[in-house]
């Protein structure tokens, strides 16, 4: 199973539309910022926090870059 197939299946299981390719790229960038500026475990938590805050992934990336400089 590919990552995309898993994401699509998980999105369906929780009743949401899966993210488009641009959103996936922004989330991966956010995860990369968190993982490279601290520890790898920060990546999923940063994405969870962005989702809980209702942030657009691009905005979350910008905030993460400013918050950790």
C-alpha atoms as a PDB file:
ATOM      1  CA  UNK A   1       0.000   0.000   0.000  1.00  0.00           C
ATOM      2  CA  UNK A   2       1.321   3.429  -0.889  1.00  0.00           C
ATOM      3  CA  UNK A   3       1.283   6.372   1.478  1.00  0.00           C
ATOM      4  CA  UNK A   4      -1.347   8.024  -0.683  1.00  0.00           C
ATOM      5  CA  UNK A   5      -3.592   4.957  -0.563  1.00  0.00           C
ATOM      6  CA  UNK A   6      -3.248   4.823   3.226  1.00  0.00           C
ATOM      7  CA  UNK A   7      -3.987   8.530   3.621  1.00  0.00           C
ATOM      8  CA  UNK A   8      -7.036   8.260   1.372  1.00  0.00           C
ATOM      9  CA  UNK A   9      -8.316   5.257   3.330  1.00  0.00           C
ATOM     10  CA  UNK A  10      -7.713   6.909   6.691  1.00  0.00           C
ATOM     11  CA  UNK A  11      -9.436  10.095   5.548  1.00  0.00           C
ATOM     12  CA  UNK A  12     -12.451   8.061   4.458  1.00  0.00           C
ATOM     13  CA  UNK A  13     -12.470   6.179   7.772  1.00  0.00           C
ATOM     14  CA  UNK A  14     -12.670   9.429   9.748  1.00  0.00           C
ATOM     15  CA  UNK A  15     -15.179  11.034   7.399  1.00  0.00           C
ATOM     16  CA  UNK A  16     -12.923  13.629   5.773  1.00  0.00           C
ATOM     17  CA  UNK A  17     -11.727  14.364   2.284  1.00  0.00           C
ATOM     18  CA  UNK A  18      -8.060  13.480   1.809  1.00  0.00           C
ATOM     19  CA  UNK A  19      -5.646  16.384   1.391  1.00  0.00           C
ATOM     20  CA  UNK A  20      -4.652  17.432  -2.106  1.00  0.00           C
ATOM     21  CA  UNK A  21      -1.046  17.100  -3.274  1.00  0.00           C
ATOM     22  CA  UNK A  22      -0.157  20.706  -2.402  1.00  0.00           C
ATOM     23  CA  UNK A  23      -1.443  20.268   1.144  1.00  0.00           C
ATOM     24  CA  UNK A  24       0.492  17.022   1.525  1.00  0.00           C
ATOM     25  CA  UNK A  25       3.673  18.822   0.444  1.00  0.00           C
ATOM     26  CA  UNK A  26       3.077  21.621   2.956  1.00  0.00           C
ATOM     27  CA  UNK A  27       2.438  19.126   5.754  1.00  0.00           C
ATOM     28  CA  UNK A  28       5.639  17.297   4.868  1.00  0.00           C
ATOM     29  CA  UNK A  29       7.483  20.603   4.959  1.00  0.00           C
ATOM     30  CA  UNK A  30       6.003  21.357   8.388  1.00  0.00           C
ATOM     31  CA  UNK A  31       6.989  17.912   9.618  1.00  0.00           C
ATOM     32  CA  UNK A  32      10.491  18.437   8.235  1.00  0.00           C
ATOM     33  CA  UNK A  33      10.842  21.771  10.023  1.00  0.00           C
ATOM     34  CA  UNK A  34       9.849  20.196  13.312  1.00  0.00           C
ATOM     35  CA  UNK A  35      12.020  17.121  12.877  1.00  0.00           C
ATOM     36  CA  UNK A  36      15.138  18.957  11.734  1.00  0.00           C
ATOM     37  CA  UNK A  37      14.978  21.749  14.296  1.00  0.00           C
ATOM     38  CA  UNK A  38      14.405  19.444  17.263  1.00  0.00           C
ATOM     39  CA  UNK A  39      13.682  15.726  17.420  1.00  0.00           C
ATOM     40  CA  UNK A  40      11.899  13.523  14.920  1.00  0.00           C
ATOM     41  CA  UNK A  41       9.014  12.976  17.318  1.00  0.00           C
ATOM     42  CA  UNK A  42       8.099  16.661  17.021  1.00  0.00           C
ATOM     43  CA  UNK A  43       6.968  16.151  13.405  1.00  0.00           C
ATOM     44  CA  UNK A  44       3.618  14.412  13.962  1.00  0.00           C
ATOM     45  CA  UNK A  45       2.864  16.540  16.994  1.00  0.00           C
ATOM     46  CA  UNK A  46       3.473  19.749  15.015  1.00  0.00           C
ATOM     47  CA  UNK A  47       1.064  18.553  12.322  1.00  0.00           C
ATOM     48  CA  UNK A  48      -1.508  17.609  14.960  1.00  0.00           C
ATOM     49  CA  UNK A  49      -1.182  21.027  16.618  1.00  0.00           C
ATOM     50  CA  UNK A  50      -1.601  22.791  13.268  1.00  0.00           C
ATOM     51  CA  UNK A  51      -4.729  20.762  12.591  1.00  0.00           C
ATOM     52  CA  UNK A  52      -6.154  21.430  16.058  1.00  0.00           C
ATOM     53  CA  UNK A  53      -5.523  25.156  15.565  1.00  0.00           C
ATOM     54  CA  UNK A  54      -7.245  25.063  12.177  1.00  0.00           C
ATOM     55  CA  UNK A  55      -4.155  26.445  10.481  1.00  0.00           C
ATOM     56  CA  UNK A  56      -3.590  26.248   6.774  1.00  0.00           C
ATOM     57  CA  UNK A  57      -0.462  24.078   6.368  1.00  0.00           C
ATOM     58  CA  UNK A  58       1.439  26.869   4.572  1.00  0.00           C
ATOM     59  CA  UNK A  59       0.695  29.251   7.440  1.00  0.00           C
ATOM     60  CA  UNK A  60       1.800  26.597   9.919  1.00  0.00           C
ATOM     61  CA  UNK A  61       5.123  26.237   8.077  1.00  0.00           C
ATOM     62  CA  UNK A  62       5.706  29.986   8.241  1.00  0.00           C
ATOM     63  CA  UNK A  63       4.895  30.060  11.946  1.00  0.00           C
ATOM     64  CA  UNK A  64       7.148  27.081  12.639  1.00  0.00           C
ATOM     65  CA  UNK A  65      10.030  28.733  10.839  1.00  0.00           C
ATOM     66  CA  UNK A  66       9.615  31.935  12.857  1.00  0.00           C
ATOM     67  CA  UNK A  67       8.944  30.225  16.181  1.00  0.00           C
ATOM     68  CA  UNK A  68      12.129  28.181  16.150  1.00  0.00           C
ATOM     69  CA  UNK A  69      14.691  30.720  14.917  1.00  0.00           C
END
